[in-house]
C-alpha atoms as a PDB file:
ATOM      1  CA  MET A   1      70.772 140.850  87.130  1.00  0.00           C
ATOM      2  CA  SER A   2      71.092 137.837  89.423  1.00  0.00           C
ATOM      3  CA  ASP A   3      72.192 134.536  87.882  1.00  0.00           C
ATOM      4  CA  HIS A   4      69.096 132.987  89.474  1.00  0.00           C
ATOM      5  CA  HIS A   5      66.671 135.459  87.879  1.00  0.00           C
ATOM      6  CA  LEU A   6      65.410 134.630  84.401  1.00  0.00           C
ATOM      7  CA  ALA A   7      63.479 137.868  84.031  1.00  0.00           C
ATOM      8  CA  GLU A   8      63.540 141.119  85.945  1.00  0.00           C
ATOM      9  CA  LEU A   9      61.912 144.531  86.136  1.00  0.00           C
ATOM     10  CA  SER A  10      63.917 147.148  88.033  1.00  0.00           C
ATOM     11  CA  GLY A  11      62.292 150.407  89.103  1.00  0.00           C
ATOM     12  CA  VAL A  12      59.912 150.277  86.146  1.00  0.00           C
ATOM     13  CA  SER A  13      57.277 152.929  85.547  1.00  0.00           C
ATOM     14  CA  LYS A  14      54.799 152.937  82.680  1.00  0.00           C
ATOM     15  CA  ARG A  15      52.117 155.474  81.908  1.00  0.00           C
ATOM     16  CA  PHE A  16      49.294 155.365  79.379  1.00  0.00           C
ATOM     17  CA  GLY A  17      48.119 158.935  78.968  1.00  0.00           C
ATOM     18  CA  LYS A  18      47.093 160.104  82.437  1.00  0.00           C
ATOM     19  CA  THR A  19      46.966 156.563  83.823  1.00  0.00           C
ATOM     20  CA  LEU A  20      50.009 155.375  85.766  1.00  0.00           C
ATOM     21  CA  ALA A  21      50.014 151.608  85.141  1.00  0.00           C
ATOM     22  CA  LEU A  22      53.297 150.789  86.903  1.00  0.00           C
ATOM     23  CA  ASP A  23      54.929 152.945  89.569  1.00  0.00           C
ATOM     24  CA  GLY A  24      58.592 152.048  90.194  1.00  0.00           C
ATOM     25  CA  LEU A  25      57.907 148.297  90.115  1.00  0.00           C
ATOM     26  CA  ASP A  26      60.598 145.766  91.018  1.00  0.00           C
ATOM     27  CA  LEU A  27      59.805 142.205  89.980  1.00  0.00           C
ATOM     28  CA  HIS A  28      61.905 139.123  89.284  1.00  0.00           C
ATOM     29  CA  VAL A  29      61.345 135.533  88.193  1.00  0.00           C
ATOM     30  CA  ARG A  30      63.564 132.836  89.684  1.00  0.00           C
ATOM     31  CA  CYS A  31      64.720 129.599  88.113  1.00  0.00           C
ATOM     32  CA  GLY A  32      62.388 126.654  88.592  1.00  0.00           C
ATOM     33  CA  GLU A  33      59.460 128.466  90.213  1.00  0.00           C
ATOM     34  CA  LEU A  34      55.824 129.125  89.468  1.00  0.00           C
ATOM     35  CA  LEU A  35      55.236 132.777  90.292  1.00  0.00           C
ATOM     36  CA  ALA A  36      51.613 133.860  90.648  1.00  0.00           C
ATOM     37  CA  LEU A  37      51.137 137.539  89.862  1.00  0.00           C
ATOM     38  CA  LEU A  38      47.910 138.701  91.478  1.00  0.00           C
ATOM     39  CA  GLY A  39      46.036 141.955  91.731  1.00  0.00           C
ATOM     40  CA  PRO A  40      42.691 143.594  90.988  1.00  0.00           C
ATOM     41  CA  ASN A  41      41.826 144.768  87.480  1.00  0.00           C
ATOM     42  CA  GLY A  42      44.089 147.655  86.540  1.00  0.00           C
ATOM     43  CA  ALA A  43      46.811 146.682  89.024  1.00  0.00           C
ATOM     44  CA  GLY A  44      49.443 146.435  86.274  1.00  0.00           C
ATOM     45  CA  LYS A  45      49.788 142.660  85.836  1.00  0.00           C
ATOM     46  CA  SER A  46      49.411 142.518  82.056  1.00  0.00           C
ATOM     47  CA  THR A  47      51.558 145.634  81.632  1.00  0.00           C
ATOM     48  CA  ALA A  48      54.361 144.006  83.651  1.00  0.00           C
ATOM     49  CA  ILE A  49      54.241 140.891  81.473  1.00  0.00           C
ATOM     50  CA  SER A  50      54.184 142.969  78.276  1.00  0.00           C
ATOM     51  CA  LEU A  51      57.342 144.781  79.433  1.00  0.00           C
ATOM     52  CA  LEU A  52      59.130 141.521  80.207  1.00  0.00           C
ATOM     53  CA  LEU A  53      58.190 140.275  76.727  1.00  0.00           C
ATOM     54  CA  GLY A  54      59.420 143.418  75.008  1.00  0.00           C
ATOM     55  CA  LEU A  55      55.926 144.262  73.746  1.00  0.00           C
ATOM     56  CA  LEU A  56      56.177 147.589  75.584  1.00  0.00           C
ATOM     57  CA  GLU A  57      59.089 149.818  76.585  1.00  0.00           C
ATOM     58  CA  PRO A  58      59.287 151.230  80.125  1.00  0.00           C
ATOM     59  CA  ASP A  59      59.099 154.986  80.619  1.00  0.00           C
ATOM     60  CA  ALA A  60      61.642 154.593  83.438  1.00  0.00           C
ATOM     61  CA  GLY A  61      63.639 151.682  84.842  1.00  0.00           C
ATOM     62  CA  SER A  62      64.705 148.567  82.949  1.00  0.00           C
ATOM     63  CA  ALA A  63      63.390 145.193  81.811  1.00  0.00           C
ATOM     64  CA  ARG A  64      65.704 142.211  81.320  1.00  0.00           C
ATOM     65  CA  LEU A  65      64.968 138.763  79.932  1.00  0.00           C
ATOM     66  CA  PHE A  66      67.713 136.148  80.361  1.00  0.00           C
ATOM     67  CA  GLY A  67      70.112 139.024  81.015  1.00  0.00           C
ATOM     68  CA  GLN A  68      69.299 140.719  77.703  1.00  0.00           C
ATOM     69  CA  SER A  69      66.842 143.183  76.278  1.00  0.00           C
ATOM     70  CA  PRO A  70      63.470 141.425  75.937  1.00  0.00           C
ATOM     71  CA  ARG A  71      63.538 142.455  72.285  1.00  0.00           C
ATOM     72  CA  GLN A  72      66.553 140.265  71.525  1.00  0.00           C
ATOM     73  CA  VAL A  73      65.638 137.207  69.450  1.00  0.00           C
ATOM     74  CA  ALA A  74      67.954 134.968  71.521  1.00  0.00           C
ATOM     75  CA  ALA A  75      65.976 135.832  74.652  1.00  0.00           C
ATOM     76  CA  ARG A  76      62.562 135.515  73.050  1.00  0.00           C
ATOM     77  CA  ARG A  77      63.347 132.032  71.710  1.00  0.00           C
ATOM     78  CA  GLN A  78      63.467 130.752  75.298  1.00  0.00           C
ATOM     79  CA  VAL A  79      59.975 131.994  76.124  1.00  0.00           C
ATOM     80  CA  GLY A  80      56.440 130.680  75.669  1.00  0.00           C
ATOM     81  CA  VAL A  81      53.457 133.016  75.903  1.00  0.00           C
ATOM     82  CA  MET A  82      49.709 132.776  76.395  1.00  0.00           C
ATOM     83  CA  MET A  83      48.118 136.203  76.735  1.00  0.00           C
ATOM     84  CA  GLN A  84      44.506 137.057  77.606  1.00  0.00           C
ATOM     85  CA  GLU A  85      43.857 138.406  74.130  1.00  0.00           C
ATOM     86  CA  ALA A  86      45.266 136.382  71.237  1.00  0.00           C
ATOM     87  CA  THR A  87      44.636 136.925  67.528  1.00  0.00           C
ATOM     88  CA  LEU A  88      45.493 133.895  65.418  1.00  0.00           C
ATOM     89  CA  ALA A  89      44.772 133.154  61.765  1.00  0.00           C
ATOM     90  CA  SER A  90      41.209 131.849  61.781  1.00  0.00           C
ATOM     91  CA  GLU A  91      41.617 129.739  58.633  1.00  0.00           C
ATOM     92  CA  LEU A  92      44.668 127.782  59.855  1.00  0.00           C
ATOM     93  CA  ARG A  93      43.973 124.405  61.454  1.00  0.00           C
ATOM     94  CA  VAL A  94      45.141 123.774  65.019  1.00  0.00           C
ATOM     95  CA  ARG A  95      47.986 121.474  63.925  1.00  0.00           C
ATOM     96  CA  GLU A  96      49.137 124.097  61.421  1.00  0.00           C
ATOM     97  CA  GLN A  97      49.078 126.788  64.097  1.00  0.00           C
ATOM     98  CA  ILE A  98      51.282 124.700  66.393  1.00  0.00           C
ATOM     99  CA  GLU A  99      53.647 123.705  63.559  1.00  0.00           C
ATOM    100  CA  LEU A 100      54.068 127.343  62.534  1.00  0.00           C
ATOM    101  CA  VAL A 101      54.996 128.552  66.021  1.00  0.00           C
ATOM    102  CA  ALA A 102      57.175 125.507  66.738  1.00  0.00           C
ATOM    103  CA  SER A 103      59.234 126.349  63.638  1.00  0.00           C
ATOM    104  CA  TYR A 104      60.467 129.525  65.376  1.00  0.00           C
ATOM    105  CA  TYR A 105      62.213 127.545  68.128  1.00  0.00           C
ATOM    106  CA  PRO A 106      65.581 125.733  67.940  1.00  0.00           C
ATOM    107  CA  ASP A 107      64.443 122.563  69.767  1.00  0.00           C
ATOM    108  CA  PRO A 108      60.647 122.296  69.812  1.00  0.00           C
ATOM    109  CA  LEU A 109      58.602 119.405  71.105  1.00  0.00           C
ATOM    110  CA  ALA A 110      57.138 116.922  68.630  1.00  0.00           C
ATOM    111  CA  ILE A 111      53.780 118.238  67.419  1.00  0.00           C
ATOM    112  CA  ASP A 112      51.932 115.003  68.245  1.00  0.00           C
ATOM    113  CA  GLU A 113      53.345 115.099  71.788  1.00  0.00           C
ATOM    114  CA  VAL A 114      52.213 118.690  72.268  1.00  0.00           C
ATOM    115  CA  MET A 115      48.685 117.892  71.141  1.00  0.00           C
ATOM    116  CA  GLN A 116      48.537 114.751  73.257  1.00  0.00           C
ATOM    117  CA  VAL A 117      49.537 116.412  76.539  1.00  0.00           C
ATOM    118  CA  THR A 118      47.297 119.441  75.928  1.00  0.00           C
ATOM    119  CA  GLN A 119      44.373 117.245  74.794  1.00  0.00           C
ATOM    120  CA  THR A 120      44.137 119.084  71.489  1.00  0.00           C
ATOM    121  CA  THR A 121      44.550 116.012  69.249  1.00  0.00           C
ATOM    122  CA  PRO A 122      40.784 115.922  68.496  1.00  0.00           C
ATOM    123  CA  LEU A 123      41.068 119.549  67.344  1.00  0.00           C
ATOM    124  CA  ALA A 124      44.079 118.994  65.060  1.00  0.00           C
ATOM    125  CA  ASP A 125      42.232 119.423  61.761  1.00  0.00           C
ATOM    126  CA  ARG A 126      39.734 122.032  62.942  1.00  0.00           C
ATOM    127  CA  PRO A 127      40.163 125.614  61.669  1.00  0.00           C
ATOM    128  CA  TYR A 128      41.006 127.858  64.611  1.00  0.00           C
ATOM    129  CA  GLY A 129      38.168 130.239  63.776  1.00  0.00           C
ATOM    130  CA  LYS A 130      35.626 127.410  64.174  1.00  0.00           C
ATOM    131  CA  LEU A 131      36.660 126.561  67.759  1.00  0.00           C
ATOM    132  CA  SER A 132      34.739 127.448  70.906  1.00  0.00           C
ATOM    133  CA  GLY A 133      36.258 129.900  73.363  1.00  0.00           C
ATOM    134  CA  GLY A 134      37.512 127.096  75.627  1.00  0.00           C
ATOM    135  CA  GLN A 135      38.946 125.156  72.685  1.00  0.00           C
ATOM    136  CA  LYS A 136      40.799 128.256  71.528  1.00  0.00           C
ATOM    137  CA  ARG A 137      42.370 128.579  74.990  1.00  0.00           C
ATOM    138  CA  GLN A 138      43.528 124.949  74.799  1.00  0.00           C
ATOM    139  CA  ALA A 139      45.047 125.560  71.358  1.00  0.00           C
ATOM    140  CA  GLN A 140      46.773 128.714  72.646  1.00  0.00           C
ATOM    141  CA  PHE A 141      48.225 126.713  75.533  1.00  0.00           C
ATOM    142  CA  ALA A 142      49.577 124.098  73.115  1.00  0.00           C
ATOM    143  CA  ILE A 143      51.205 126.897  71.111  1.00  0.00           C
ATOM    144  CA  ALA A 144      52.707 128.381  74.302  1.00  0.00           C
ATOM    145  CA  ILE A 145      54.509 125.188  75.305  1.00  0.00           C
ATOM    146  CA  CYS A 146      55.454 123.781  71.889  1.00  0.00           C
ATOM    147  CA  GLY A 147      58.881 125.444  71.850  1.00  0.00           C
ATOM    148  CA  ARG A 148      60.035 123.767  75.065  1.00  0.00           C
ATOM    149  CA  PRO A 149      60.333 127.194  76.784  1.00  0.00           C
ATOM    150  CA  ARG A 150      62.545 127.798  79.814  1.00  0.00           C
ATOM    151  CA  LEU A 151      60.150 130.552  80.869  1.00  0.00           C
ATOM    152  CA  LEU A 152      56.396 130.461  80.302  1.00  0.00           C
ATOM    153  CA  PHE A 153      54.120 133.501  80.650  1.00  0.00           C
ATOM    154  CA  LEU A 154      50.456 132.625  81.172  1.00  0.00           C
ATOM    155  CA  ASP A 155      47.990 135.517  81.447  1.00  0.00           C
ATOM    156  CA  GLU A 156      44.653 134.175  82.780  1.00  0.00           C
ATOM    157  CA  PRO A 157      45.227 130.814  81.019  1.00  0.00           C
ATOM    158  CA  THR A 158      42.224 128.924  82.409  1.00  0.00           C
ATOM    159  CA  ALA A 159      39.598 131.635  81.843  1.00  0.00           C
ATOM    160  CA  GLY A 160      36.772 130.050  79.872  1.00  0.00           C
ATOM    161  CA  LEU A 161      37.927 126.463  80.394  1.00  0.00           C
ATOM    162  CA  ASP A 162      35.675 123.776  81.829  1.00  0.00           C
ATOM    163  CA  LEU A 163      36.814 121.905  84.932  1.00  0.00           C
ATOM    164  CA  PRO A 164      38.449 118.887  83.176  1.00  0.00           C
ATOM    165  CA  ALA A 165      40.446 121.195  80.880  1.00  0.00           C
ATOM    166  CA  ARG A 166      41.472 123.343  83.831  1.00  0.00           C
ATOM    167  CA  GLU A 167      42.628 120.300  85.800  1.00  0.00           C
ATOM    168  CA  MET A 168      44.591 119.098  82.764  1.00  0.00           C
ATOM    169  CA  MET A 169      46.368 122.425  82.592  1.00  0.00           C
ATOM    170  CA  TRP A 170      47.113 122.429  86.342  1.00  0.00           C
ATOM    171  CA  THR A 171      48.650 118.947  86.089  1.00  0.00           C
ATOM    172  CA  LEU A 172      50.759 119.906  83.099  1.00  0.00           C
ATOM    173  CA  LEU A 173      51.990 123.124  84.727  1.00  0.00           C
ATOM    174  CA  CYS A 174      53.183 121.159  87.765  1.00  0.00           C
ATOM    175  CA  ARG A 175      54.978 118.736  85.461  1.00  0.00           C
ATOM    176  CA  LEU A 176      56.677 121.558  83.540  1.00  0.00           C
ATOM    177  CA  VAL A 177      57.994 123.118  86.750  1.00  0.00           C
ATOM    178  CA  LYS A 178      59.323 119.732  87.910  1.00  0.00           C
ATOM    179  CA  GLN A 179      61.097 119.433  84.562  1.00  0.00           C
ATOM    180  CA  GLY A 180      62.847 122.775  85.156  1.00  0.00           C
ATOM    181  CA  SER A 181      60.643 125.376  83.490  1.00  0.00           C
ATOM    182  CA  SER A 182      59.746 128.622  85.242  1.00  0.00           C
ATOM    183  CA  ILE A 183      56.215 129.980  84.943  1.00  0.00           C
ATOM    184  CA  VAL A 184      54.656 133.395  85.495  1.00  0.00           C
ATOM    185  CA  LEU A 185      50.922 133.026  86.024  1.00  0.00           C
ATOM    186  CA  THR A 186      48.278 135.700  86.357  1.00  0.00           C
ATOM    187  CA  THR A 187      44.874 134.447  87.415  1.00  0.00           C
ATOM    188  CA  HIS A 188      41.572 135.578  88.894  1.00  0.00           C
ATOM    189  CA  TYR A 189      41.061 132.053  90.244  1.00  0.00           C
ATOM    190  CA  LEU A 190      42.753 132.437  93.616  1.00  0.00           C
ATOM    191  CA  GLU A 191      42.395 128.716  94.339  1.00  0.00           C
ATOM    192  CA  GLU A 192      44.567 128.209  91.252  1.00  0.00           C
ATOM    193  CA  ALA A 193      47.370 130.318  92.704  1.00  0.00           C
ATOM    194  CA  GLU A 194      46.910 128.666  96.094  1.00  0.00           C
ATOM    195  CA  ALA A 195      47.285 125.194  94.565  1.00  0.00           C
ATOM    196  CA  LEU A 196      50.153 125.894  92.163  1.00  0.00           C
ATOM    197  CA  ALA A 197      52.317 128.832  93.220  1.00  0.00           C
ATOM    198  CA  ASP A 198      55.758 128.580  94.799  1.00  0.00           C
ATOM    199  CA  ARG A 199      55.667 132.346  95.287  1.00  0.00           C
ATOM    200  CA  VAL A 200      52.990 135.035  95.101  1.00  0.00           C
ATOM    201  CA  VAL A 201      53.356 138.723  94.272  1.00  0.00           C
ATOM    202  CA  VAL A 202      50.322 140.949  94.857  1.00  0.00           C
ATOM    203  CA  LEU A 203      50.128 144.190  92.877  1.00  0.00           C
ATOM    204  CA  ALA A 204      47.874 147.183  93.465  1.00  0.00           C
ATOM    205  CA  LYS A 205      48.046 150.520  91.662  1.00  0.00           C
ATOM    206  CA  GLY A 206      51.224 149.485  89.855  1.00  0.00           C
ATOM    207  CA  ARG A 207      53.204 148.607  92.988  1.00  0.00           C
ATOM    208  CA  THR A 208      54.014 145.443  94.922  1.00  0.00           C
ATOM    209  CA  ILE A 209      52.015 145.393  98.151  1.00  0.00           C
ATOM    210  CA  ALA A 210      52.969 141.872  99.280  1.00  0.00           C
ATOM    211  CA  SER A 211      55.148 138.973  98.176  1.00  0.00           C
ATOM    212  CA  GLY A 212      56.130 135.566  99.498  1.00  0.00           C
ATOM    213  CA  THR A 213      54.803 132.040  99.669  1.00  0.00           C
ATOM    214  CA  VAL A 214      51.092 131.284  99.955  1.00  0.00           C
ATOM    215  CA  ASN A 215      51.641 130.675 103.679  1.00  0.00           C
ATOM    216  CA  ASP A 216      53.398 134.039 103.950  1.00  0.00           C
ATOM    217  CA  MET A 217      50.338 135.690 102.416  1.00  0.00           C
ATOM    218  CA  ARG A 218      47.996 133.933 104.810  1.00  0.00           C
ATOM    219  CA  ALA A 219      50.132 135.019 107.759  1.00  0.00           C
ATOM    220  CA  LEU A 220      49.704 138.683 106.800  1.00  0.00           C
ATOM    221  CA  VAL A 221      46.019 138.636 107.678  1.00  0.00           C
ATOM    222  CA  VAL A 222      44.266 137.938 110.944  1.00  0.00           C
ATOM    223  CA  CYS A 223      40.998 136.820 109.383  1.00  0.00           C
ATOM    224  CA  ARG A 224      39.543 133.368 109.930  1.00  0.00           C
ATOM    225  CA  ARG A 225      36.901 131.516 107.966  1.00  0.00           C
ATOM    226  CA  ILE A 226      33.848 130.218 109.840  1.00  0.00           C
ATOM    227  CA  GLU A 227      31.414 127.775 108.288  1.00  0.00           C
ATOM    228  CA  CYS A 228      28.196 126.443 109.792  1.00  0.00           C
ATOM    229  CA  HIS A 229      24.597 125.413 109.199  1.00  0.00           C
ATOM    230  CA  THR A 230      22.305 128.111 110.574  1.00  0.00           C
ATOM    231  CA  SER A 231      18.842 129.609 110.236  1.00  0.00           C
ATOM    232  CA  LEU A 232      20.330 133.110 110.534  1.00  0.00           C
ATOM    233  CA  THR A 233      20.311 135.288 107.433  1.00  0.00           C
ATOM    234  CA  THR A 234      23.386 136.786 105.800  1.00  0.00           C
ATOM    235  CA  LYS A 235      21.867 140.240 106.379  1.00  0.00           C
ATOM    236  CA  GLU A 236      21.736 139.635 110.142  1.00  0.00           C
ATOM    237  CA  VAL A 237      25.330 138.381 110.352  1.00  0.00           C
ATOM    238  CA  ALA A 238      26.796 140.938 107.918  1.00  0.00           C
ATOM    239  CA  GLY A 239      25.970 143.711 110.393  1.00  0.00           C
ATOM    240  CA  TRP A 240      28.235 142.342 113.115  1.00  0.00           C
ATOM    241  CA  PRO A 241      31.380 144.516 113.422  1.00  0.00           C
ATOM    242  CA  GLU A 242      33.799 141.558 113.379  1.00  0.00           C
ATOM    243  CA  VAL A 243      32.394 140.164 110.098  1.00  0.00           C
ATOM    244  CA  LYS A 244      34.299 141.102 106.918  1.00  0.00           C
ATOM    245  CA  SER A 245      32.173 139.130 104.473  1.00  0.00           C
ATOM    246  CA  VAL A 246      29.422 136.528 104.548  1.00  0.00           C
ATOM    247  CA  ARG A 247      27.650 134.329 102.030  1.00  0.00           C
ATOM    248  CA  SER A 248      25.132 131.526 102.338  1.00  0.00           C
ATOM    249  CA  GLU A 249      24.029 128.609 100.213  1.00  0.00           C
ATOM    250  CA  GLU A 250      21.296 126.180 101.273  1.00  0.00           C
ATOM    251  CA  GLN A 251      21.653 127.228 104.946  1.00  0.00           C
ATOM    252  CA  ARG A 252      25.444 126.613 104.838  1.00  0.00           C
ATOM    253  CA  MET A 253      26.957 129.949 105.823  1.00  0.00           C
ATOM    254  CA  SER A 254      30.554 130.979 105.183  1.00  0.00           C
ATOM    255  CA  ILE A 255      31.876 133.949 107.179  1.00  0.00           C
ATOM    256  CA  THR A 256      35.212 135.746 107.051  1.00  0.00           C
ATOM    257  CA  ALA A 257      35.843 137.365 110.424  1.00  0.00           C
ATOM    258  CA  SER A 258      38.553 139.473 112.036  1.00  0.00           C
ATOM    259  CA  ASP A 259      37.659 138.059 115.472  1.00  0.00           C
ATOM    260  CA  ALA A 260      36.495 134.489 115.031  1.00  0.00           C
ATOM    261  CA  GLU A 261      35.944 133.782 118.730  1.00  0.00           C
ATOM    262  CA  THR A 262      33.510 136.688 119.170  1.00  0.00           C
ATOM    263  CA  VAL A 263      31.579 135.735 116.041  1.00  0.00           C
ATOM    264  CA  VAL A 264      31.325 132.095 117.110  1.00  0.00           C
ATOM    265  CA  ARG A 265      29.947 133.130 120.495  1.00  0.00           C
ATOM    266  CA  ARG A 266      27.353 135.351 118.833  1.00  0.00           C
ATOM    267  CA  LEU A 267      26.357 132.570 116.439  1.00  0.00           C
ATOM    268  CA  LEU A 268      25.831 130.102 119.275  1.00  0.00           C
ATOM    269  CA  ALA A 269      23.841 132.645 121.281  1.00  0.00           C
ATOM    270  CA  ALA A 270      21.654 133.633 118.325  1.00  0.00           C
ATOM    271  CA  ASP A 271      20.912 130.149 116.966  1.00  0.00           C
ATOM    272  CA  ALA A 272      20.323 127.290 119.406  1.00  0.00           C
ATOM    273  CA  HIS A 273      20.255 124.852 116.482  1.00  0.00           C
ATOM    274  CA  LEU A 274      23.596 125.886 114.976  1.00  0.00           C
ATOM    275  CA  ALA A 275      25.322 122.810 113.513  1.00  0.00           C
ATOM    276  CA  GLN A 276      28.462 121.653 111.683  1.00  0.00           C
ATOM    277  CA  LEU A 277      30.549 124.563 112.956  1.00  0.00           C
ATOM    278  CA  GLU A 278      34.063 124.807 111.504  1.00  0.00           C
ATOM    279  CA  VAL A 279      36.721 127.478 112.019  1.00  0.00           C
ATOM    280  CA  ARG A 280      39.814 127.529 109.837  1.00  0.00           C
ATOM    281  CA  ARG A 281      42.583 129.927 108.922  1.00  0.00           C
ATOM    282  CA  ALA A 282      42.100 132.332 106.070  1.00  0.00           C
ATOM    283  CA  GLY A 283      42.999 131.171 102.597  1.00  0.00           C
ATOM    284  CA  LEU A 284      44.697 133.123  99.842  1.00  0.00           C
ATOM    285  CA  ALA A 285      41.353 134.572  98.744  1.00  0.00           C
ATOM    286  CA  GLU A 286      40.782 136.222 102.119  1.00  0.00           C
ATOM    287  CA  ALA A 287      44.389 137.427 102.269  1.00  0.00           C
ATOM    288  CA  PHE A 288      44.133 138.906  98.784  1.00  0.00           C
ATOM    289  CA  THR A 289      40.872 140.688  99.606  1.00  0.00           C
ATOM    290  CA  GLN A 290      42.216 142.206 102.804  1.00  0.00           C
ATOM    291  CA  LEU A 291      45.542 143.272 101.288  1.00  0.00           C
ATOM    292  CA  THR A 292      43.970 144.973  98.277  1.00  0.00           C
ATOM    293  CA  GLN A 293      41.243 146.637 100.364  1.00  0.00           C
ATOM    294  CA  GLU A 294      43.900 148.046 102.673  1.00  0.00           C
ATOM    295  CA  LYS A 295      45.731 149.471  99.666  1.00  0.00           C
ATOM    296  CA  GLU A 296      42.570 151.111  98.356  1.00  0.00           C
ATOM    297  CA  SER A 297      41.695 152.670 101.733  1.00  0.00           C
END
């Protein structure tokens, strides 16, 4: 294991019955980075995290956490975790939940500081079972960071959060990385990965199909995004061979196209009143869609 890798999967395969969840996967987490792990449902993201946490054992290959077995207590004490599904004692109050988990760590943050930065102070005396779904996610995030972890695993952390809570979490994640933490993030919000990630790994069918920076991902696809005001319908435009996807809202149409120049010419020819035309490079969402579709085909 490299000195610069905090966690690593090497040639890992994992099967659940007849389903092959991971197929010879290699994955590593570097010091001081936010790694976004992306992929469609069933790609193997949660399985990979569970292996790195020692919650599962690989059928083949190896998992290492800080150079040790992920099941070693010394390794686990350097990790914070927020999984998609979390079962916590419903009768314990939020402060009690954080205090309990913080007691497992050698040098945890002060409880009041944790609640302040995660905006859970108003929830301190509320029983966990009485919280809304979004409030539970905020409490789980506070629990994940309370131990001052060197490595933080966040599995769909902002699912169910409103926009202010999501922005709070984004800001805090950036601060944690600047302070030296490493973060592994899985998310269905591709704009989240685009805004936060130092590096992106895209999984499909248990294998890595692409990895690199957000700009590297964009460079892998030739698609461009076209936006305009038009009286044309999405049904008309969707039939053009160069159009990969199209959506419209209040006459503002957004098109992803493999040949932007041809589509623009057709738009101008078909609608004499076309207005507010913009053409820009594909974002991470378009890159992700194209990469995963290619893998499925």
